[in-house]
Amino acid sequence: MSTITQKIASTFRVISIPNALAEEARTSRKSPQYGHPAHVELATGYGPCRQCLHTFDEGHESRLLFTYNPFEGRDSYPSPGPVFIHEQPCQAYSKDGGFPEDLRRLPLVLEGYGARRWLVTQERVQDGKVEEAIERVFALPGVEYIHVRNLEAGCFIAQIERAAISTQ
């Protein structure tokens, strides 16, 4: 990672789905937010897992598919969609780990949201230069957080928030 990329990466945090929610889905085999049945299958696509943010080992790992609303707690209007996690427990992605390497090679769209879940902008990233795109999105007036979505399927992958900057 270049010095510029490291500097940019220290200004944001990548947030995967909550651990408690993932564990509840694994245990109950239902969507924790909606109660819809979850589905287990052998990975036929790269995913990725919305908890550890690694892509799946296609044909070898089992994944759990369930309905998830990434706006829960931010807005009363629901926007549920499908997400995958590893069927077996996995380590949640470190919020301060920069942008996940497995996601860098995927076709992505960054959606910059403002107050009251207002969509301010979308930026497509297909060249792996995610940090620069994140910086551009956060530079726009009114952008409070970013959703990372799969450009091919449109599904939610993770959320990006600004990191608390130390003034020391």
C-alpha atoms as a PDB file:
ATOM      1  CA  MET A   1       0.000   0.000   0.000  1.00  0.00           C
ATOM      2  CA  SER A   2       1.436   3.374  -0.987  1.00  0.00           C
ATOM      3  CA  THR A   3       1.956   6.178   1.548  1.00  0.00           C
ATOM      4  CA  ILE A   4      -0.887   8.176  -0.029  1.00  0.00           C
ATOM      5  CA  THR A   5      -3.220   5.154   0.121  1.00  0.00           C
ATOM      6  CA  GLN A   6      -2.264   4.575   3.789  1.00  0.00           C
ATOM      7  CA  LYS A   7      -2.990   8.245   4.604  1.00  0.00           C
ATOM      8  CA  ILE A   8      -6.407   8.083   2.912  1.00  0.00           C
ATOM      9  CA  ALA A   9      -7.218   4.708   4.548  1.00  0.00           C
ATOM     10  CA  SER A  10      -6.617   6.200   8.001  1.00  0.00           C
ATOM     11  CA  THR A  11      -9.471   8.673   7.406  1.00  0.00           C
ATOM     12  CA  PHE A  12     -12.207   6.026   7.152  1.00  0.00           C
ATOM     13  CA  ARG A  13     -13.459   2.810   8.772  1.00  0.00           C
ATOM     14  CA  VAL A  14     -15.081  -0.127   6.962  1.00  0.00           C
ATOM     15  CA  ILE A  15     -18.010  -1.555   8.929  1.00  0.00           C
ATOM     16  CA  SER A  16     -19.285  -5.085   8.278  1.00  0.00           C
ATOM     17  CA  ILE A  17     -22.654  -6.349   9.497  1.00  0.00           C
ATOM     18  CA  PRO A  18     -22.932  -6.641  13.296  1.00  0.00           C
ATOM     19  CA  ASN A  19     -21.498  -9.828  14.833  1.00  0.00           C
ATOM     20  CA  ALA A  20     -24.622 -10.403  16.934  1.00  0.00           C
ATOM     21  CA  LEU A  21     -26.822 -10.237  13.840  1.00  0.00           C
ATOM     22  CA  ALA A  22     -24.612 -12.704  11.924  1.00  0.00           C
ATOM     23  CA  GLU A  23     -24.565 -15.128  14.850  1.00  0.00           C
ATOM     24  CA  GLU A  24     -28.341 -14.902  15.266  1.00  0.00           C
ATOM     25  CA  ALA A  25     -28.808 -15.703  11.563  1.00  0.00           C
ATOM     26  CA  ARG A  26     -26.499 -18.728  11.880  1.00  0.00           C
ATOM     27  CA  THR A  27     -28.256 -19.990  14.996  1.00  0.00           C
ATOM     28  CA  SER A  28     -31.899 -19.370  14.050  1.00  0.00           C
ATOM     29  CA  ARG A  29     -31.527 -19.901  10.278  1.00  0.00           C
ATOM     30  CA  LYS A  30     -33.756 -16.841   9.862  1.00  0.00           C
ATOM     31  CA  SER A  31     -33.239 -13.196   9.029  1.00  0.00           C
ATOM     32  CA  PRO A  32     -32.830 -11.506  12.429  1.00  0.00           C
ATOM     33  CA  GLN A  33     -34.505  -8.326  11.188  1.00  0.00           C
ATOM     34  CA  TYR A  34     -37.447  -9.900   9.340  1.00  0.00           C
ATOM     35  CA  GLY A  35     -37.856 -13.532  10.407  1.00  0.00           C
ATOM     36  CA  HIS A  36     -37.668 -14.769   6.804  1.00  0.00           C
ATOM     37  CA  PRO A  37     -36.059 -18.193   6.419  1.00  0.00           C
ATOM     38  CA  ALA A  38     -32.332 -18.200   5.667  1.00  0.00           C
ATOM     39  CA  HIS A  39     -30.913 -20.467   2.984  1.00  0.00           C
ATOM     40  CA  VAL A  40     -27.666 -22.477   3.131  1.00  0.00           C
ATOM     41  CA  GLU A  41     -25.815 -23.440  -0.033  1.00  0.00           C
ATOM     42  CA  LEU A  42     -22.377 -24.285  -1.303  1.00  0.00           C
ATOM     43  CA  ALA A  43     -20.817 -21.066  -2.600  1.00  0.00           C
ATOM     44  CA  THR A  44     -21.411 -20.759  -6.332  1.00  0.00           C
ATOM     45  CA  GLY A  45     -20.253 -17.147  -6.466  1.00  0.00           C
ATOM     46  CA  TYR A  46     -17.620 -14.985  -4.820  1.00  0.00           C
ATOM     47  CA  GLY A  47     -20.030 -13.289  -2.395  1.00  0.00           C
ATOM     48  CA  PRO A  48     -18.429 -11.759  -0.346  1.00  0.00           C
ATOM     49  CA  CYS A  49     -19.186 -12.628   3.283  1.00  0.00           C
ATOM     50  CA  ARG A  50     -20.714  -9.519   4.883  1.00  0.00           C
ATOM     51  CA  GLN A  51     -19.089 -10.277   8.240  1.00  0.00           C
ATOM     52  CA  CYS A  52     -15.405 -10.992   7.464  1.00  0.00           C
ATOM     53  CA  LEU A  53     -15.534  -9.264   4.031  1.00  0.00           C
ATOM     54  CA  HIS A  54     -13.590 -12.076   2.352  1.00  0.00           C
ATOM     55  CA  THR A  55     -14.776 -13.586  -0.896  1.00  0.00           C
ATOM     56  CA  PHE A  56     -16.003 -17.175  -0.779  1.00  0.00           C
ATOM     57  CA  ASP A  57     -13.996 -20.160  -1.900  1.00  0.00           C
ATOM     58  CA  GLU A  58     -16.460 -21.177  -4.619  1.00  0.00           C
ATOM     59  CA  GLY A  59     -17.445 -24.825  -4.564  1.00  0.00           C
ATOM     60  CA  HIS A  60     -15.846 -25.395  -1.143  1.00  0.00           C
ATOM     61  CA  GLU A  61     -17.380 -23.084   1.475  1.00  0.00           C
ATOM     62  CA  SER A  62     -21.002 -23.070   2.592  1.00  0.00           C
ATOM     63  CA  ARG A  63     -22.733 -19.729   2.858  1.00  0.00           C
ATOM     64  CA  LEU A  64     -25.903 -18.526   4.524  1.00  0.00           C
ATOM     65  CA  LEU A  65     -28.212 -16.210   2.568  1.00  0.00           C
ATOM     66  CA  PHE A  66     -30.662 -13.988   4.452  1.00  0.00           C
ATOM     67  CA  THR A  67     -32.511 -10.665   4.223  1.00  0.00           C
ATOM     68  CA  TYR A  68     -30.728  -7.625   5.682  1.00  0.00           C
ATOM     69  CA  ASN A  69     -31.615  -3.929   5.990  1.00  0.00           C
ATOM     70  CA  PRO A  70     -28.413  -1.844   6.109  1.00  0.00           C
ATOM     71  CA  PHE A  71     -30.389   1.283   7.064  1.00  0.00           C
ATOM     72  CA  GLU A  72     -31.822  -0.145  10.300  1.00  0.00           C
ATOM     73  CA  GLY A  73     -31.339   2.414  13.058  1.00  0.00           C
ATOM     74  CA  ARG A  74     -30.675   5.234  10.550  1.00  0.00           C
ATOM     75  CA  ASP A  75     -34.086   5.554   8.907  1.00  0.00           C
ATOM     76  CA  SER A  76     -37.544   4.079   9.459  1.00  0.00           C
ATOM     77  CA  TYR A  77     -38.024   3.307   5.748  1.00  0.00           C
ATOM     78  CA  PRO A  78     -36.718  -0.243   5.207  1.00  0.00           C
ATOM     79  CA  SER A  79     -34.584  -1.263   2.237  1.00  0.00           C
ATOM     80  CA  PRO A  80     -34.004  -4.987   2.717  1.00  0.00           C
ATOM     81  CA  GLY A  81     -31.903  -7.059   0.381  1.00  0.00           C
ATOM     82  CA  PRO A  82     -30.039 -10.359   0.251  1.00  0.00           C
ATOM     83  CA  VAL A  83     -26.657 -10.837   1.933  1.00  0.00           C
ATOM     84  CA  PHE A  84     -24.336 -13.805   2.400  1.00  0.00           C
ATOM     85  CA  ILE A  85     -22.204 -14.777   5.381  1.00  0.00           C
ATOM     86  CA  HIS A  86     -20.100 -17.864   5.983  1.00  0.00           C
ATOM     87  CA  GLU A  87     -22.249 -20.658   7.364  1.00  0.00           C
ATOM     88  CA  GLN A  88     -19.578 -21.320   9.993  1.00  0.00           C
ATOM     89  CA  PRO A  89     -18.511 -18.496  12.336  1.00  0.00           C
ATOM     90  CA  CYS A  90     -15.811 -16.209  10.978  1.00  0.00           C
ATOM     91  CA  GLN A  91     -13.820 -13.276  12.323  1.00  0.00           C
ATOM     92  CA  ALA A  92     -15.498  -9.904  11.742  1.00  0.00           C
ATOM     93  CA  TYR A  93     -13.534  -7.477   9.599  1.00  0.00           C
ATOM     94  CA  SER A  94     -11.391  -5.053  11.596  1.00  0.00           C
ATOM     95  CA  LYS A  95     -12.965  -1.599  11.265  1.00  0.00           C
ATOM     96  CA  ASP A  96      -9.534   0.002  11.177  1.00  0.00           C
ATOM     97  CA  GLY A  97      -8.040  -2.410   8.664  1.00  0.00           C
ATOM     98  CA  GLY A  98      -8.302  -0.101   5.668  1.00  0.00           C
ATOM     99  CA  PHE A  99     -10.233  -1.285   2.645  1.00  0.00           C
ATOM    100  CA  PRO A 100     -10.520  -5.105   2.418  1.00  0.00           C
ATOM    101  CA  GLU A 101      -8.160  -6.558  -0.197  1.00  0.00           C
ATOM    102  CA  ASP A 102     -10.686  -9.201  -1.321  1.00  0.00           C
ATOM    103  CA  LEU A 103     -13.186  -6.459  -2.215  1.00  0.00           C
ATOM    104  CA  ARG A 104     -10.685  -4.363  -4.154  1.00  0.00           C
ATOM    105  CA  ARG A 105     -10.825  -6.667  -7.189  1.00  0.00           C
ATOM    106  CA  LEU A 106     -14.643  -6.650  -7.381  1.00  0.00           C
ATOM    107  CA  PRO A 107     -16.814  -4.302  -9.443  1.00  0.00           C
ATOM    108  CA  LEU A 108     -18.134  -1.874  -6.829  1.00  0.00           C
ATOM    109  CA  VAL A 109     -20.327   1.169  -6.495  1.00  0.00           C
ATOM    110  CA  LEU A 110     -19.902   3.583  -3.608  1.00  0.00           C
ATOM    111  CA  GLU A 111     -23.118   5.316  -2.550  1.00  0.00           C
ATOM    112  CA  GLY A 112     -22.628   8.497  -0.520  1.00  0.00           C
ATOM    113  CA  TYR A 113     -25.544   9.233   1.822  1.00  0.00           C
ATOM    114  CA  GLY A 114     -26.437  12.353   3.735  1.00  0.00           C
ATOM    115  CA  ALA A 115     -28.978  13.264   6.397  1.00  0.00           C
ATOM    116  CA  ARG A 116     -32.263  11.357   6.365  1.00  0.00           C
ATOM    117  CA  ARG A 117     -30.670   8.719   4.097  1.00  0.00           C
ATOM    118  CA  TRP A 118     -30.549  11.075   1.145  1.00  0.00           C
ATOM    119  CA  LEU A 119     -28.459   9.620  -1.696  1.00  0.00           C
ATOM    120  CA  VAL A 120     -25.946  12.356  -2.576  1.00  0.00           C
ATOM    121  CA  THR A 121     -23.779  10.499  -5.102  1.00  0.00           C
ATOM    122  CA  GLN A 122     -22.735   7.179  -6.602  1.00  0.00           C
ATOM    123  CA  GLU A 123     -19.268   6.358  -7.858  1.00  0.00           C
ATOM    124  CA  ARG A 124     -18.326   3.195  -9.722  1.00  0.00           C
ATOM    125  CA  VAL A 125     -14.972   1.608  -8.930  1.00  0.00           C
ATOM    126  CA  GLN A 126     -13.654  -1.093 -11.227  1.00  0.00           C
ATOM    127  CA  ASP A 127      -9.917  -0.429 -11.134  1.00  0.00           C
ATOM    128  CA  GLY A 128      -9.170  -1.212  -7.468  1.00  0.00           C
ATOM    129  CA  LYS A 129      -8.489   2.456  -6.633  1.00  0.00           C
ATOM    130  CA  VAL A 130     -11.065   2.481  -3.865  1.00  0.00           C
ATOM    131  CA  GLU A 131      -9.340   4.850  -1.420  1.00  0.00           C
ATOM    132  CA  GLU A 132      -9.252   7.653  -3.966  1.00  0.00           C
ATOM    133  CA  ALA A 133     -12.959   7.108  -4.731  1.00  0.00           C
ATOM    134  CA  ILE A 134     -13.814   7.131  -1.011  1.00  0.00           C
ATOM    135  CA  GLU A 135     -11.940  10.409  -0.606  1.00  0.00           C
ATOM    136  CA  ARG A 136     -13.863  11.973  -3.520  1.00  0.00           C
ATOM    137  CA  VAL A 137     -17.227  10.837  -2.150  1.00  0.00           C
ATOM    138  CA  PHE A 138     -16.503  12.109   1.377  1.00  0.00           C
ATOM    139  CA  ALA A 139     -15.303  15.431  -0.086  1.00  0.00           C
ATOM    140  CA  LEU A 140     -18.822  16.183  -1.368  1.00  0.00           C
ATOM    141  CA  PRO A 141     -20.979  18.436   0.826  1.00  0.00           C
ATOM    142  CA  GLY A 142     -23.531  16.539   2.886  1.00  0.00           C
ATOM    143  CA  VAL A 143     -22.069  13.029   2.617  1.00  0.00           C
ATOM    144  CA  GLU A 144     -22.176  11.420   6.072  1.00  0.00           C
ATOM    145  CA  TYR A 145     -21.505   7.743   5.263  1.00  0.00           C
ATOM    146  CA  ILE A 146     -20.979   5.438   2.292  1.00  0.00           C
ATOM    147  CA  HIS A 147     -22.482   2.108   1.335  1.00  0.00           C
ATOM    148  CA  VAL A 148     -20.325  -0.278  -0.678  1.00  0.00           C
ATOM    149  CA  ARG A 149     -22.423  -2.277  -3.116  1.00  0.00           C
ATOM    150  CA  ASN A 150     -21.725  -4.885  -5.743  1.00  0.00           C
ATOM    151  CA  LEU A 151     -21.916  -3.230  -9.162  1.00  0.00           C
ATOM    152  CA  GLU A 152     -23.136  -6.446 -10.837  1.00  0.00           C
ATOM    153  CA  ALA A 153     -25.791  -7.578  -8.328  1.00  0.00           C
ATOM    154  CA  GLY A 154     -26.529  -4.261  -6.584  1.00  0.00           C
ATOM    155  CA  CYS A 155     -26.451  -5.825  -3.133  1.00  0.00           C
ATOM    156  CA  PHE A 156     -25.063  -4.222   0.015  1.00  0.00           C
ATOM    157  CA  ILE A 157     -21.546  -5.271   1.063  1.00  0.00           C
ATOM    158  CA  ALA A 158     -20.384  -2.911   3.835  1.00  0.00           C
ATOM    159  CA  GLN A 159     -20.625   0.603   5.215  1.00  0.00           C
ATOM    160  CA  ILE A 160     -17.835   3.170   5.353  1.00  0.00           C
ATOM    161  CA  GLU A 161     -17.714   5.865   8.005  1.00  0.00           C
ATOM    162  CA  ARG A 162     -15.284   8.672   8.620  1.00  0.00           C
ATOM    163  CA  ALA A 163     -12.640   7.785  11.204  1.00  0.00           C
ATOM    164  CA  ALA A 164     -12.208   9.966  14.251  1.00  0.00           C
ATOM    165  CA  ILE A 165      -9.129  12.049  13.509  1.00  0.00           C
ATOM    166  CA  SER A 166      -6.760  12.622  16.433  1.00  0.00           C
ATOM    167  CA  THR A 167      -5.547  16.214  16.810  1.00  0.00           C
ATOM    168  CA  GLN A 168      -2.526  15.266  18.917  1.00  0.00           C
END
